[in-house]
Amino acid sequence: MNWIIRCLCVFFLFLVSFFSVAEENTGALFSAATMGRLEGVNSILSRGFDVNSQTAAGRTALMGAAFFGNEQIVKSLLAHGADVNLADARGVTAMMDAVMFAHRDIVELLITVGADINAKDKNGLSILEKAKKVGDKSVIDLLTAAGAMDQEKQEATQ
């Protein structure tokens, strides 16, 4: 009986340490991506860490890099298989982050790799509507040329 309890304790400790390391790596990857530390991102990913890991709020390294305009890190994450269409707990995608700060080159890159240009957040705002709120004409034109629609057009086509 004692050996069963010991085995269960060891197994429990293993699980706790495993999930602690996973959370630590998620935080490290997200931090490196948002802070523009390309070597740190590549180092973490070279150890086989999941490029699509999410923080407690559902944020990914790709979202963080897009938010802060770290184009080289966005490229690296995409090369490592980052899912361009993952959304966080609020329904925000990497494309939405890039649009909100008018990071035109990242918006263009994300379009090229297949980002959903008509995604909506949990408040029902489309990417094009977000771009119009920001007011950067070059981003609006880029999205429109790629086929992005505002909410009215999306509803009319359904």
N, C-alpha and C. Protein backbone atom coordinates (compact mmCIF):
# COMPACT_ATOMS: atom_id res chain seq x y z
N MET A 1 0.82 -1.19 0.00
CA MET A 1 0.00 0.00 0.00
C MET A 1 0.87 1.25 0.00
N ASN A 2 1.95 1.24 0.80
CA ASN A 2 2.83 2.40 0.86
C ASN A 2 3.46 2.71 -0.50
N TRP A 3 3.80 1.65 -1.24
CA TRP A 3 4.42 1.88 -2.54
C TRP A 3 3.44 2.52 -3.52
N ILE A 4 2.16 2.22 -3.39
CA ILE A 4 1.14 2.85 -4.24
C ILE A 4 1.05 4.34 -3.92
N ILE A 5 1.04 4.66 -2.65
CA ILE A 5 0.98 6.07 -2.24
C ILE A 5 2.22 6.81 -2.71
N ARG A 6 3.37 6.16 -2.58
CA ARG A 6 4.62 6.79 -3.03
C ARG A 6 4.60 7.02 -4.54
N CYS A 7 4.13 6.02 -5.27
CA CYS A 7 4.05 6.16 -6.72
C CYS A 7 3.11 7.29 -7.11
N LEU A 8 1.98 7.37 -6.44
CA LEU A 8 1.03 8.45 -6.73
C LEU A 8 1.63 9.82 -6.40
N CYS A 9 2.35 9.90 -5.31
CA CYS A 9 3.01 11.16 -4.92
C CYS A 9 4.05 11.56 -5.96
N VAL A 10 4.85 10.61 -6.39
CA VAL A 10 5.87 10.89 -7.40
C VAL A 10 5.20 11.34 -8.71
N PHE A 11 4.14 10.65 -9.09
CA PHE A 11 3.41 11.01 -10.31
C PHE A 11 2.83 12.42 -10.19
N PHE A 12 2.23 12.74 -9.06
CA PHE A 12 1.67 14.07 -8.83
C PHE A 12 2.75 15.14 -8.92
N LEU A 13 3.90 14.91 -8.29
CA LEU A 13 5.00 15.87 -8.34
C LEU A 13 5.52 16.04 -9.77
N PHE A 14 5.55 14.95 -10.50
CA PHE A 14 5.95 15.02 -11.91
C PHE A 14 5.00 15.92 -12.68
N LEU A 15 3.70 15.72 -12.50
CA LEU A 15 2.71 16.54 -13.21
C LEU A 15 2.83 18.01 -12.85
N VAL A 16 3.00 18.30 -11.58
CA VAL A 16 3.14 19.69 -11.13
C VAL A 16 4.37 20.33 -11.76
N SER A 17 5.48 19.62 -11.74
CA SER A 17 6.71 20.19 -12.31
C SER A 17 6.60 20.32 -13.82
N PHE A 18 5.94 19.36 -14.49
CA PHE A 18 5.77 19.43 -15.93
C PHE A 18 4.97 20.66 -16.32
N PHE A 19 3.83 20.89 -15.66
CA PHE A 19 3.00 22.04 -16.01
C PHE A 19 3.65 23.35 -15.60
N SER A 20 4.43 23.37 -14.56
CA SER A 20 5.16 24.59 -14.17
C SER A 20 6.17 24.96 -15.24
N VAL A 21 6.90 23.97 -15.75
CA VAL A 21 7.88 24.23 -16.81
C VAL A 21 7.17 24.69 -18.07
N ALA A 22 6.04 24.07 -18.40
CA ALA A 22 5.29 24.47 -19.59
C ALA A 22 4.83 25.92 -19.48
N GLU A 23 4.30 26.32 -18.32
CA GLU A 23 3.87 27.70 -18.12
C GLU A 23 5.05 28.65 -18.19
N GLU A 24 6.17 28.24 -17.61
CA GLU A 24 7.37 29.07 -17.63
C GLU A 24 7.84 29.29 -19.06
N ASN A 25 7.86 28.22 -19.87
CA ASN A 25 8.28 28.34 -21.26
C ASN A 25 7.30 29.19 -22.07
N THR A 26 6.01 29.06 -21.81
CA THR A 26 5.02 29.89 -22.50
C THR A 26 5.30 31.36 -22.20
N GLY A 27 5.50 31.65 -20.94
CA GLY A 27 5.81 33.03 -20.56
C GLY A 27 7.11 33.52 -21.16
N ALA A 28 8.12 32.66 -21.19
CA ALA A 28 9.41 33.03 -21.75
C ALA A 28 9.31 33.29 -23.25
N LEU A 29 8.59 32.44 -23.96
CA LEU A 29 8.42 32.61 -25.40
C LEU A 29 7.63 33.89 -25.69
N PHE A 30 6.54 34.10 -24.98
CA PHE A 30 5.72 35.29 -25.17
C PHE A 30 6.54 36.55 -24.86
N SER A 31 7.28 36.53 -23.77
CA SER A 31 8.10 37.69 -23.40
C SER A 31 9.17 37.97 -24.44
N ALA A 32 9.86 36.94 -24.88
CA ALA A 32 10.91 37.13 -25.89
C ALA A 32 10.32 37.70 -27.18
N ALA A 33 9.16 37.21 -27.57
CA ALA A 33 8.52 37.68 -28.81
C ALA A 33 8.09 39.14 -28.69
N THR A 34 7.51 39.51 -27.57
CA THR A 34 7.04 40.88 -27.41
C THR A 34 8.17 41.87 -27.22
N MET A 35 9.28 41.40 -26.67
CA MET A 35 10.41 42.29 -26.41
C MET A 35 11.40 42.35 -27.57
N GLY A 36 11.11 41.63 -28.65
CA GLY A 36 11.98 41.70 -29.82
C GLY A 36 13.26 40.90 -29.70
N ARG A 37 13.25 39.87 -28.90
CA ARG A 37 14.44 39.04 -28.69
C ARG A 37 14.42 37.81 -29.60
N LEU A 38 14.85 38.02 -30.83
CA LEU A 38 14.82 36.96 -31.83
C LEU A 38 15.63 35.75 -31.42
N GLU A 39 16.83 35.95 -30.87
CA GLU A 39 17.65 34.82 -30.43
C GLU A 39 16.96 34.02 -29.34
N GLY A 40 16.30 34.70 -28.42
CA GLY A 40 15.56 34.02 -27.36
C GLY A 40 14.41 33.19 -27.91
N VAL A 41 13.67 33.77 -28.84
CA VAL A 41 12.56 33.04 -29.47
C VAL A 41 13.09 31.79 -30.16
N ASN A 42 14.12 31.95 -30.97
CA ASN A 42 14.67 30.81 -31.71
C ASN A 42 15.25 29.75 -30.78
N SER A 43 15.86 30.19 -29.69
CA SER A 43 16.42 29.25 -28.72
C SER A 43 15.32 28.40 -28.07
N ILE A 44 14.26 29.05 -27.66
CA ILE A 44 13.14 28.32 -27.03
C ILE A 44 12.52 27.35 -28.02
N LEU A 45 12.30 27.81 -29.25
CA LEU A 45 11.67 26.96 -30.26
C LEU A 45 12.58 25.81 -30.70
N SER A 46 13.89 26.04 -30.68
CA SER A 46 14.82 24.97 -31.07
C SER A 46 14.80 23.80 -30.10
N ARG A 47 14.32 24.05 -28.88
CA ARG A 47 14.21 22.98 -27.89
C ARG A 47 12.89 22.22 -28.02
N GLY A 48 12.14 22.51 -29.08
CA GLY A 48 10.91 21.77 -29.35
C GLY A 48 9.67 22.30 -28.66
N PHE A 49 9.74 23.51 -28.14
CA PHE A 49 8.58 24.08 -27.45
C PHE A 49 7.49 24.44 -28.46
N ASP A 50 6.24 24.27 -28.06
CA ASP A 50 5.09 24.52 -28.94
C ASP A 50 4.98 26.01 -29.28
N VAL A 51 5.13 26.32 -30.56
CA VAL A 51 5.07 27.70 -31.04
C VAL A 51 3.70 28.32 -30.82
N ASN A 52 2.67 27.48 -30.69
CA ASN A 52 1.30 27.96 -30.52
C ASN A 52 0.83 27.94 -29.06
N SER A 53 1.76 27.78 -28.14
CA SER A 53 1.37 27.78 -26.73
C SER A 53 0.74 29.12 -26.38
N GLN A 54 -0.21 29.08 -25.44
CA GLN A 54 -0.96 30.28 -25.10
C GLN A 54 -0.83 30.60 -23.61
N THR A 55 -0.82 31.89 -23.33
CA THR A 55 -0.82 32.35 -21.94
C THR A 55 -2.20 32.09 -21.35
N ALA A 56 -2.37 32.41 -20.09
CA ALA A 56 -3.67 32.21 -19.43
C ALA A 56 -4.77 33.00 -20.13
N ALA A 57 -4.42 34.11 -20.76
CA ALA A 57 -5.41 34.92 -21.48
C ALA A 57 -5.56 34.49 -22.93
N GLY A 58 -4.85 33.43 -23.30
CA GLY A 58 -4.96 32.91 -24.66
C GLY A 58 -4.04 33.58 -25.66
N ARG A 59 -3.13 34.42 -25.18
CA ARG A 59 -2.21 35.14 -26.08
C ARG A 59 -1.08 34.22 -26.52
N THR A 60 -0.68 34.36 -27.78
CA THR A 60 0.43 33.58 -28.31
C THR A 60 1.61 34.51 -28.59
N ALA A 61 2.76 33.91 -28.80
CA ALA A 61 3.95 34.69 -29.15
C ALA A 61 3.73 35.47 -30.44
N LEU A 62 3.03 34.85 -31.40
CA LEU A 62 2.74 35.55 -32.67
C LEU A 62 1.90 36.80 -32.42
N MET A 63 0.93 36.71 -31.55
CA MET A 63 0.11 37.88 -31.22
C MET A 63 0.97 38.97 -30.59
N GLY A 64 1.84 38.58 -29.67
CA GLY A 64 2.71 39.55 -29.01
C GLY A 64 3.65 40.23 -29.99
N ALA A 65 4.24 39.45 -30.90
CA ALA A 65 5.16 40.01 -31.89
C ALA A 65 4.41 40.94 -32.85
N ALA A 66 3.21 40.55 -33.26
CA ALA A 66 2.41 41.39 -34.17
C ALA A 66 2.00 42.69 -33.47
N PHE A 67 1.63 42.59 -32.21
CA PHE A 67 1.20 43.74 -31.41
C PHE A 67 2.32 44.79 -31.35
N PHE A 68 3.55 44.33 -31.13
CA PHE A 68 4.67 45.25 -30.97
C PHE A 68 5.42 45.53 -32.28
N GLY A 69 4.97 44.94 -33.38
CA GLY A 69 5.58 45.22 -34.67
C GLY A 69 6.93 44.57 -34.90
N ASN A 70 7.17 43.44 -34.27
CA ASN A 70 8.44 42.72 -34.40
C ASN A 70 8.39 41.79 -35.62
N GLU A 71 8.62 42.37 -36.79
CA GLU A 71 8.45 41.64 -38.05
C GLU A 71 9.36 40.41 -38.16
N GLN A 72 10.62 40.52 -37.77
CA GLN A 72 11.53 39.38 -37.87
C GLN A 72 11.08 38.23 -36.98
N ILE A 73 10.54 38.56 -35.84
CA ILE A 73 10.04 37.52 -34.95
C ILE A 73 8.77 36.90 -35.51
N VAL A 74 7.91 37.72 -36.09
CA VAL A 74 6.71 37.19 -36.76
C VAL A 74 7.13 36.18 -37.82
N LYS A 75 8.12 36.54 -38.64
CA LYS A 75 8.60 35.63 -39.69
C LYS A 75 9.15 34.33 -39.10
N SER A 76 9.91 34.45 -38.03
CA SER A 76 10.47 33.26 -37.39
C SER A 76 9.38 32.36 -36.83
N LEU A 77 8.42 32.95 -36.15
CA LEU A 77 7.32 32.16 -35.58
C LEU A 77 6.52 31.47 -36.67
N LEU A 78 6.27 32.18 -37.77
CA LEU A 78 5.54 31.56 -38.89
C LEU A 78 6.35 30.42 -39.49
N ALA A 79 7.67 30.60 -39.60
CA ALA A 79 8.54 29.55 -40.13
C ALA A 79 8.53 28.31 -39.23
N HIS A 80 8.28 28.53 -37.94
CA HIS A 80 8.20 27.41 -36.99
C HIS A 80 6.78 26.85 -36.88
N GLY A 81 5.86 27.32 -37.72
CA GLY A 81 4.52 26.74 -37.76
C GLY A 81 3.46 27.43 -36.93
N ALA A 82 3.68 28.70 -36.57
CA ALA A 82 2.67 29.42 -35.78
C ALA A 82 1.34 29.47 -36.54
N ASP A 83 0.26 29.24 -35.80
CA ASP A 83 -1.09 29.29 -36.37
C ASP A 83 -1.52 30.75 -36.44
N VAL A 84 -1.64 31.25 -37.64
CA VAL A 84 -1.92 32.66 -37.87
C VAL A 84 -3.35 33.05 -37.47
N ASN A 85 -4.22 32.08 -37.30
CA ASN A 85 -5.62 32.38 -37.01
C ASN A 85 -6.07 32.06 -35.59
N LEU A 86 -5.14 31.71 -34.71
CA LEU A 86 -5.54 31.50 -33.31
C LEU A 86 -6.05 32.81 -32.73
N ALA A 87 -7.05 32.71 -31.87
CA ALA A 87 -7.60 33.89 -31.20
C ALA A 87 -7.44 33.74 -29.69
N ASP A 88 -7.30 34.87 -29.02
CA ASP A 88 -7.18 34.84 -27.56
C ASP A 88 -8.57 34.80 -26.92
N ALA A 89 -8.63 34.96 -25.62
CA ALA A 89 -9.90 34.87 -24.89
C ALA A 89 -10.90 35.94 -25.29
N ARG A 90 -10.41 37.04 -25.88
CA ARG A 90 -11.30 38.11 -26.34
C ARG A 90 -11.61 38.01 -27.82
N GLY A 91 -11.09 36.95 -28.45
CA GLY A 91 -11.32 36.77 -29.88
C GLY A 91 -10.36 37.54 -30.76
N VAL A 92 -9.30 38.06 -30.16
CA VAL A 92 -8.31 38.87 -30.89
C VAL A 92 -7.26 37.96 -31.51
N THR A 93 -6.96 38.22 -32.78
CA THR A 93 -5.95 37.45 -33.52
C THR A 93 -4.70 38.30 -33.73
N ALA A 94 -3.65 37.66 -34.23
CA ALA A 94 -2.41 38.39 -34.54
C ALA A 94 -2.67 39.47 -35.58
N MET A 95 -3.53 39.18 -36.55
CA MET A 95 -3.86 40.18 -37.57
C MET A 95 -4.50 41.41 -36.93
N MET A 96 -5.40 41.19 -36.00
CA MET A 96 -6.05 42.32 -35.32
C MET A 96 -5.04 43.15 -34.56
N ASP A 97 -4.07 42.49 -33.91
CA ASP A 97 -3.02 43.21 -33.19
C ASP A 97 -2.20 44.06 -34.15
N ALA A 98 -1.82 43.50 -35.28
CA ALA A 98 -1.02 44.24 -36.26
C ALA A 98 -1.81 45.42 -36.82
N VAL A 99 -3.09 45.22 -37.07
CA VAL A 99 -3.95 46.28 -37.60
C VAL A 99 -4.10 47.41 -36.59
N MET A 100 -4.30 47.07 -35.33
CA MET A 100 -4.55 48.09 -34.31
C MET A 100 -3.36 49.06 -34.14
N PHE A 101 -2.18 48.64 -34.54
CA PHE A 101 -1.02 49.52 -34.42
C PHE A 101 -0.44 49.85 -35.80
N ALA A 102 -1.24 49.61 -36.84
CA ALA A 102 -0.89 49.96 -38.22
C ALA A 102 0.49 49.44 -38.64
N HIS A 103 0.77 48.20 -38.26
CA HIS A 103 2.03 47.56 -38.69
C HIS A 103 1.78 46.96 -40.07
N ARG A 104 1.84 47.82 -41.08
CA ARG A 104 1.46 47.45 -42.44
C ARG A 104 2.23 46.24 -42.97
N ASP A 105 3.54 46.21 -42.75
CA ASP A 105 4.34 45.09 -43.27
C ASP A 105 3.92 43.76 -42.65
N ILE A 106 3.57 43.79 -41.39
CA ILE A 106 3.11 42.56 -40.72
C ILE A 106 1.72 42.18 -41.23
N VAL A 107 0.85 43.16 -41.42
CA VAL A 107 -0.48 42.89 -41.98
C VAL A 107 -0.32 42.21 -43.33
N GLU A 108 0.55 42.75 -44.17
CA GLU A 108 0.78 42.18 -45.50
C GLU A 108 1.32 40.75 -45.40
N LEU A 109 2.26 40.54 -44.51
CA LEU A 109 2.83 39.20 -44.31
C LEU A 109 1.77 38.21 -43.85
N LEU A 110 0.94 38.62 -42.89
CA LEU A 110 -0.10 37.73 -42.37
C LEU A 110 -1.15 37.40 -43.44
N ILE A 111 -1.45 38.37 -44.30
CA ILE A 111 -2.36 38.10 -45.42
C ILE A 111 -1.74 37.05 -46.33
N THR A 112 -0.46 37.21 -46.61
CA THR A 112 0.26 36.30 -47.51
C THR A 112 0.23 34.86 -47.01
N VAL A 113 0.30 34.66 -45.70
CA VAL A 113 0.34 33.31 -45.16
C VAL A 113 -1.05 32.76 -44.81
N GLY A 114 -2.10 33.50 -45.16
CA GLY A 114 -3.45 32.96 -45.03
C GLY A 114 -4.24 33.38 -43.82
N ALA A 115 -3.92 34.52 -43.23
CA ALA A 115 -4.71 35.00 -42.10
C ALA A 115 -6.14 35.28 -42.54
N ASP A 116 -7.08 34.97 -41.67
CA ASP A 116 -8.49 35.25 -41.93
C ASP A 116 -8.71 36.75 -41.83
N ILE A 117 -8.92 37.40 -42.97
CA ILE A 117 -9.06 38.85 -42.99
C ILE A 117 -10.47 39.31 -42.64
N ASN A 118 -11.35 38.36 -42.44
CA ASN A 118 -12.72 38.71 -42.06
C ASN A 118 -13.10 38.20 -40.68
N ALA A 119 -12.10 37.87 -39.89
CA ALA A 119 -12.36 37.41 -38.52
C ALA A 119 -12.97 38.56 -37.70
N LYS A 120 -13.74 38.17 -36.70
CA LYS A 120 -14.32 39.15 -35.78
C LYS A 120 -13.91 38.79 -34.36
N ASP A 121 -13.77 39.81 -33.53
CA ASP A 121 -13.48 39.55 -32.12
C ASP A 121 -14.79 39.22 -31.39
N LYS A 122 -14.73 39.00 -30.10
CA LYS A 122 -15.93 38.61 -29.35
C LYS A 122 -16.94 39.74 -29.22
N ASN A 123 -16.54 40.96 -29.56
CA ASN A 123 -17.47 42.08 -29.58
C ASN A 123 -18.12 42.25 -30.94
N GLY A 124 -17.75 41.38 -31.89
CA GLY A 124 -18.32 41.42 -33.22
C GLY A 124 -17.64 42.39 -34.17
N LEU A 125 -16.50 42.97 -33.76
CA LEU A 125 -15.79 43.90 -34.64
C LEU A 125 -14.90 43.13 -35.62
N SER A 126 -15.04 43.47 -36.89
CA SER A 126 -14.21 42.83 -37.90
C SER A 126 -12.85 43.51 -37.98
N ILE A 127 -11.94 42.88 -38.66
CA ILE A 127 -10.60 43.43 -38.83
C ILE A 127 -10.67 44.75 -39.58
N LEU A 128 -11.48 44.81 -40.63
CA LEU A 128 -11.60 46.05 -41.40
C LEU A 128 -12.18 47.17 -40.55
N GLU A 129 -13.14 46.86 -39.71
CA GLU A 129 -13.70 47.88 -38.82
C GLU A 129 -12.64 48.40 -37.85
N LYS A 130 -11.81 47.51 -37.35
CA LYS A 130 -10.72 47.92 -36.46
C LYS A 130 -9.75 48.84 -37.22
N ALA A 131 -9.43 48.47 -38.45
CA ALA A 131 -8.52 49.28 -39.26
C ALA A 131 -9.11 50.67 -39.51
N LYS A 132 -10.39 50.73 -39.75
CA LYS A 132 -11.03 52.04 -39.99
C LYS A 132 -11.00 52.90 -38.73
N LYS A 133 -11.12 52.27 -37.56
CA LYS A 133 -11.02 53.03 -36.30
C LYS A 133 -9.62 53.62 -36.13
N VAL A 134 -8.61 52.85 -36.53
CA VAL A 134 -7.23 53.32 -36.43
C VAL A 134 -6.99 54.43 -37.46
N GLY A 135 -7.53 54.25 -38.66
CA GLY A 135 -7.48 55.29 -39.67
C GLY A 135 -6.26 55.30 -40.57
N ASP A 136 -5.45 54.24 -40.56
CA ASP A 136 -4.29 54.18 -41.44
C ASP A 136 -4.75 53.72 -42.83
N LYS A 137 -4.75 54.67 -43.77
CA LYS A 137 -5.29 54.39 -45.11
C LYS A 137 -4.55 53.26 -45.81
N SER A 138 -3.24 53.16 -45.64
CA SER A 138 -2.49 52.11 -46.33
C SER A 138 -2.90 50.71 -45.84
N VAL A 139 -3.19 50.58 -44.55
CA VAL A 139 -3.64 49.30 -44.01
C VAL A 139 -5.06 49.00 -44.48
N ILE A 140 -5.93 50.01 -44.46
CA ILE A 140 -7.31 49.84 -44.93
C ILE A 140 -7.30 49.40 -46.39
N ASP A 141 -6.51 50.08 -47.22
CA ASP A 141 -6.43 49.74 -48.64
C ASP A 141 -5.89 48.33 -48.85
N LEU A 142 -4.90 47.95 -48.09
CA LEU A 142 -4.32 46.62 -48.19
C LEU A 142 -5.36 45.55 -47.85
N LEU A 143 -6.09 45.76 -46.76
CA LEU A 143 -7.12 44.80 -46.36
C LEU A 143 -8.25 44.73 -47.38
N THR A 144 -8.68 45.88 -47.86
CA THR A 144 -9.76 45.93 -48.85
C THR A 144 -9.35 45.21 -50.14
N ALA A 145 -8.12 45.46 -50.58
CA ALA A 145 -7.62 44.81 -51.80
C ALA A 145 -7.56 43.29 -51.62
N ALA A 146 -7.34 42.84 -50.39
CA ALA A 146 -7.27 41.40 -50.11
C ALA A 146 -8.64 40.77 -49.94
N GLY A 147 -9.69 41.61 -49.92
CA GLY A 147 -11.05 41.08 -49.81
C GLY A 147 -11.70 41.22 -48.45
N ALA A 148 -11.10 41.99 -47.57
CA ALA A 148 -11.70 42.18 -46.24
C ALA A 148 -13.01 42.95 -46.37
N MET A 149 -13.96 42.56 -45.53
CA MET A 149 -15.27 43.20 -45.54
C MET A 149 -15.61 43.71 -44.15
N ASP A 150 -16.37 44.82 -44.11
CA ASP A 150 -16.85 45.27 -42.82
C ASP A 150 -18.07 44.44 -42.44
N GLN A 151 -18.60 44.67 -41.26
CA GLN A 151 -19.68 43.83 -40.73
C GLN A 151 -20.92 43.84 -41.62
N GLU A 152 -21.28 44.99 -42.16
CA GLU A 152 -22.47 45.08 -43.02
C GLU A 152 -22.33 44.22 -44.25
N LYS A 153 -21.17 44.30 -44.91
CA LYS A 153 -20.95 43.48 -46.11
C LYS A 153 -20.92 42.00 -45.78
N GLN A 154 -20.31 41.65 -44.63
CA GLN A 154 -20.28 40.25 -44.21
C GLN A 154 -21.68 39.71 -44.00
N GLU A 155 -22.52 40.51 -43.36
CA GLU A 155 -23.90 40.08 -43.09
C GLU A 155 -24.70 39.98 -44.38
N ALA A 156 -24.44 40.86 -45.33
CA ALA A 156 -25.16 40.86 -46.61
C ALA A 156 -24.81 39.63 -47.45
N THR A 157 -23.60 39.12 -47.29
CA THR A 157 -23.18 37.97 -48.08
C THR A 157 -23.58 36.64 -47.46
N GLN A 158 -24.10 36.69 -46.23
CA GLN A 158 -24.45 35.41 -45.55
C GLN A 158 -25.83 34.97 -45.88
